[in-house]
Amino acid sequence: MLTLMPNLPDPDGFYDELIRAHSGLSQEQSDAFNARLILTLANHIGDRAVLTAALEAAK
């Protein structure tokens, strides 16, 4: 089951960390970083039904 309610203990801190991770990257590098991050998190989740639900929720 996909969790859509807030679930991060420090969402603002994570957002700041995410923005800093993109600092100094070109648009192409930023896009590649996002793709790697998505695939890393998808691998960690490992549940195809959850990933499919996440894709639908993101649309």
Protein backbone atom coordinates (compact mmCIF):
# COMPACT_ATOMS: atom_id res chain seq x y z
CA MET A 1 0.00 0.00 0.00
CA LEU A 2 1.30 3.43 -0.96
CA THR A 3 1.65 5.97 1.85
CA LEU A 4 0.40 9.37 0.69
CA MET A 5 0.11 11.07 4.07
CA PRO A 6 3.15 13.02 5.32
CA ASN A 7 5.65 10.46 6.61
CA LEU A 8 9.02 12.24 6.91
CA PRO A 9 10.14 13.33 10.38
CA ASP A 10 11.87 16.41 8.91
CA PRO A 11 10.39 17.17 5.47
CA ASP A 12 11.89 20.67 5.31
CA GLY A 13 15.33 19.32 6.14
CA PHE A 14 15.03 16.66 3.46
CA TYR A 15 13.85 19.24 0.92
CA ASP A 16 16.86 21.45 1.73
CA GLU A 17 19.19 18.43 1.36
CA LEU A 18 17.60 17.56 -1.99
CA ILE A 19 17.99 21.11 -3.28
CA ARG A 20 21.64 21.19 -2.12
CA ALA A 21 22.28 17.91 -3.94
CA HIS A 22 21.34 19.69 -7.18
CA SER A 23 23.53 22.71 -6.48
CA GLY A 24 25.99 23.40 -9.29
CA LEU A 25 24.50 20.80 -11.62
CA SER A 26 23.48 21.58 -15.18
CA GLN A 27 19.90 20.76 -16.18
CA GLU A 28 21.14 17.56 -17.84
CA GLN A 29 23.10 16.54 -14.72
CA SER A 30 20.13 17.39 -12.52
CA ASP A 31 17.81 15.26 -14.64
CA ALA A 32 20.30 12.36 -14.50
CA PHE A 33 20.60 12.76 -10.72
CA ASN A 34 16.81 12.61 -10.39
CA ALA A 35 16.67 9.47 -12.53
CA ARG A 36 19.35 7.77 -10.42
CA LEU A 37 17.59 8.80 -7.21
CA ILE A 38 14.24 7.45 -8.45
CA LEU A 39 15.79 4.14 -9.48
CA THR A 40 17.67 3.84 -6.18
CA LEU A 41 14.50 4.46 -4.17
CA ALA A 42 12.47 2.13 -6.41
CA ASN A 43 15.03 -0.60 -5.79
CA HIS A 44 14.83 0.03 -2.05
CA ILE A 45 11.01 -0.15 -2.08
CA GLY A 46 11.12 -3.28 -4.20
CA ASP A 47 7.34 -3.73 -4.33
CA ARG A 48 6.07 -3.45 -7.89
CA ALA A 49 2.46 -2.73 -6.82
CA VAL A 50 3.62 0.16 -4.61
CA LEU A 51 5.78 1.51 -7.43
CA THR A 52 2.87 1.31 -9.90
CA ALA A 53 0.64 3.14 -7.41
CA ALA A 54 3.33 5.80 -7.00
CA LEU A 55 3.55 6.30 -10.75
CA GLU A 56 -0.21 6.74 -10.94
CA ALA A 57 -0.26 9.14 -7.96
CA ALA A 58 2.48 11.24 -9.54
CA LYS A 59 0.50 11.69 -12.76
